[in-house]
C-alpha atoms as a PDB file:
ATOM      1  CA  MET A   1       3.985 109.276-118.629  1.00  0.00           C
ATOM      2  CA  VAL A   2       1.270 108.879-116.018  1.00  0.00           C
ATOM      3  CA  ILE A   3      -1.377 108.592-118.728  1.00  0.00           C
ATOM      4  CA  LEU A   4       0.544 105.748-120.387  1.00  0.00           C
ATOM      5  CA  THR A   5       0.854 103.956-117.056  1.00  0.00           C
ATOM      6  CA  ILE A   6      -2.875 104.293-116.350  1.00  0.00           C
ATOM      7  CA  LEU A   7      -3.690 103.120-119.885  1.00  0.00           C
ATOM      8  CA  THR A   8      -1.451 100.077-119.398  1.00  0.00           C
ATOM      9  CA  ALA A   9      -3.218  99.242-116.133  1.00  0.00           C
ATOM     10  CA  LEU A  10      -6.662  99.521-117.759  1.00  0.00           C
ATOM     11  CA  ILE A  11      -5.657  97.329-120.697  1.00  0.00           C
ATOM     12  CA  SER A  12      -4.198  94.808-118.232  1.00  0.00           C
ATOM     13  CA  LEU A  13      -7.533  94.615-116.412  1.00  0.00           C
ATOM     14  CA  LEU A  14      -9.342  94.134-119.726  1.00  0.00           C
ATOM     15  CA  LEU A  15      -6.911  91.366-120.645  1.00  0.00           C
ATOM     16  CA  ILE A  16      -7.559  89.618-117.328  1.00  0.00           C
ATOM     17  CA  GLY A  17     -11.299  89.765-117.992  1.00  0.00           C
ATOM     18  CA  VAL A  18     -10.956  88.459-121.549  1.00  0.00           C
ATOM     19  CA  VAL A  19      -8.774  85.562-120.418  1.00  0.00           C
ATOM     20  CA  LEU A  20     -11.278  84.621-117.714  1.00  0.00           C
ATOM     21  CA  ILE A  21     -14.147  84.672-120.213  1.00  0.00           C
ATOM     22  CA  GLN A  22     -12.398  82.255-122.572  1.00  0.00           C
ATOM     23  CA  ASN A  23     -13.570  78.679-122.592  1.00  0.00           C
ATOM     24  CA  PRO A  24     -10.544  76.369-122.257  1.00  0.00           C
ATOM     25  CA  LYS A  25     -10.639  72.655-123.022  1.00  0.00           C
ATOM     26  CA  GLY A  26     -11.489  71.789-119.427  1.00  0.00           C
ATOM     27  CA  GLY A  27     -14.322  74.291-119.165  1.00  0.00           C
ATOM     28  CA  GLY A  28     -14.215  77.818-117.852  1.00  0.00           C
ATOM     29  CA  VAL A  29     -16.254  80.702-116.583  1.00  0.00           C
ATOM     30  CA  ASP A  30     -17.522  81.464-120.082  1.00  0.00           C
ATOM     31  CA  ALA A  31     -21.046  80.317-119.249  1.00  0.00           C
ATOM     32  CA  THR A  32     -21.032  82.295-116.009  1.00  0.00           C
ATOM     33  CA  PHE A  33     -20.713  85.599-117.859  1.00  0.00           C
ATOM     34  CA  GLY A  34     -23.313  84.861-120.502  1.00  0.00           C
ATOM     35  CA  GLY A  35     -21.143  82.837-122.846  1.00  0.00           C
ATOM     36  CA  ASN A  36     -24.017  80.575-123.858  1.00  0.00           C
ATOM     37  CA  ALA A  37     -26.115  83.498-125.061  1.00  0.00           C
ATOM     38  CA  THR A  38     -23.166  84.809-127.042  1.00  0.00           C
ATOM     39  CA  ASN A  39     -22.628  81.422-128.628  1.00  0.00           C
ATOM     40  CA  GLN A  40     -26.287  81.201-129.612  1.00  0.00           C
ATOM     41  CA  MET A  41     -26.313  84.698-131.053  1.00  0.00           C
ATOM     42  CA  LEU A  42     -22.947  84.773-132.857  1.00  0.00           C
ATOM     43  CA  GLY A  43     -22.189  81.097-133.113  1.00  0.00           C
ATOM     44  CA  ALA A  44     -19.533  79.294-131.098  1.00  0.00           C
ATOM     45  CA  ALA A  45     -16.770  79.662-133.674  1.00  0.00           C
ATOM     46  CA  LYS A  46     -17.253  83.397-134.245  1.00  0.00           C
ATOM     47  CA  SER A  47     -17.329  84.320-130.556  1.00  0.00           C
ATOM     48  CA  THR A  48     -14.270  82.160-129.866  1.00  0.00           C
ATOM     49  CA  ASP A  49     -12.373  83.759-132.740  1.00  0.00           C
ATOM     50  CA  PHE A  50     -13.307  87.247-131.549  1.00  0.00           C
ATOM     51  CA  ILE A  51     -12.225  86.584-127.972  1.00  0.00           C
ATOM     52  CA  GLU A  52      -8.964  85.009-129.108  1.00  0.00           C
ATOM     53  CA  LYS A  53      -8.170  87.931-131.414  1.00  0.00           C
ATOM     54  CA  LEU A  54      -9.053  90.393-128.658  1.00  0.00           C
ATOM     55  CA  THR A  55      -6.657  88.579-126.321  1.00  0.00           C
ATOM     56  CA  TRP A  56      -3.809  88.904-128.818  1.00  0.00           C
ATOM     57  CA  TYR A  57      -4.576  92.578-129.537  1.00  0.00           C
ATOM     58  CA  LEU A  58      -4.664  93.466-125.849  1.00  0.00           C
ATOM     59  CA  ALA A  59      -1.426  91.571-125.190  1.00  0.00           C
ATOM     60  CA  ALA A  60       0.254  93.369-128.092  1.00  0.00           C
ATOM     61  CA  ALA A  61      -1.032  96.725-126.810  1.00  0.00           C
ATOM     62  CA  ILE A  62       0.464  96.043-123.368  1.00  0.00           C
ATOM     63  CA  LEU A  63       3.792  95.052-124.932  1.00  0.00           C
ATOM     64  CA  ILE A  64       3.925  98.201-127.067  1.00  0.00           C
ATOM     65  CA  LEU A  65       2.930 100.449-124.163  1.00  0.00           C
ATOM     66  CA  CYS A  66       5.569  98.871-121.915  1.00  0.00           C
ATOM     67  CA  VAL A  67       8.263  99.512-124.531  1.00  0.00           C
ATOM     68  CA  ILE A  68       7.099 103.120-124.940  1.00  0.00           C
ATOM     69  CA  ILE A  69       7.064 103.669-121.172  1.00  0.00           C
ATOM     70  CA  ALA A  70      10.532 102.136-120.786  1.00  0.00           C
ATOM     71  CA  ALA A  71      11.902 104.318-123.596  1.00  0.00           C
ATOM     72  CA  THR A  72      10.277 107.399-122.068  1.00  0.00           C
ATOM     73  CA  TYR A  73      11.735 106.738-118.629  1.00  0.00           C
ATOM     74  CA  ALA A  74      15.149 105.952-120.143  1.00  0.00           C
ATOM     75  CA  GLY A  75      15.229 109.415-121.714  1.00  0.00           C
ATOM     76  CA  ALA A  76      13.807 111.183-118.659  1.00  0.00           C
ATOM     77  CA  ASP A  77      15.958 113.396-116.484  1.00  0.00           C
ATOM     78  CA  VAL A  78      16.194 111.670-113.105  1.00  0.00           C
ATOM     79  CA  THR A  79      18.687 113.965-111.419  1.00  0.00           C
ATOM     80  CA  GLY A  80      18.493 113.754-107.708  1.00  0.00           C
ATOM     81  CA  ALA A  81      17.609 110.089-107.662  1.00  0.00           C
ATOM     82  CA  GLY A  82      20.072 108.122-105.634  1.00  0.00           C
ATOM     83  CA  THR A  83      22.125 111.142-104.571  1.00  0.00           C
ATOM     84  CA  ALA A  84      21.245 110.930-100.895  1.00  0.00           C
ATOM     85  CA  PRO A  85      24.249 110.047 -98.736  1.00  0.00           C
ATOM     86  CA  LEU A  86      24.258 106.642 -97.113  1.00  0.00           C
ATOM     87  CA  ARG A  87      23.962 106.442 -93.345  1.00  0.00           C
ATOM     88  CA  GLN A  88      26.815 104.767 -91.630  1.00  0.00           C
END
């Protein structure tokens, strides 16, 4: 379960980076991270399509991992949790 949690965190960081690299209508940090060179090499449409697809794939991966983690924890034995007596 720990491996799935770490994998989810890593994919989340990648998703943050991909979203920051995107070039929205009002401008973005795309040029800061070498977006102009990518556009010249791959063409503006191809790099935009790749980044958009990568965003969707990473978001889907996070969703699937979250469902798997939730199902794993739902089936886990959590005896002892919440059995401590309350202080009065």
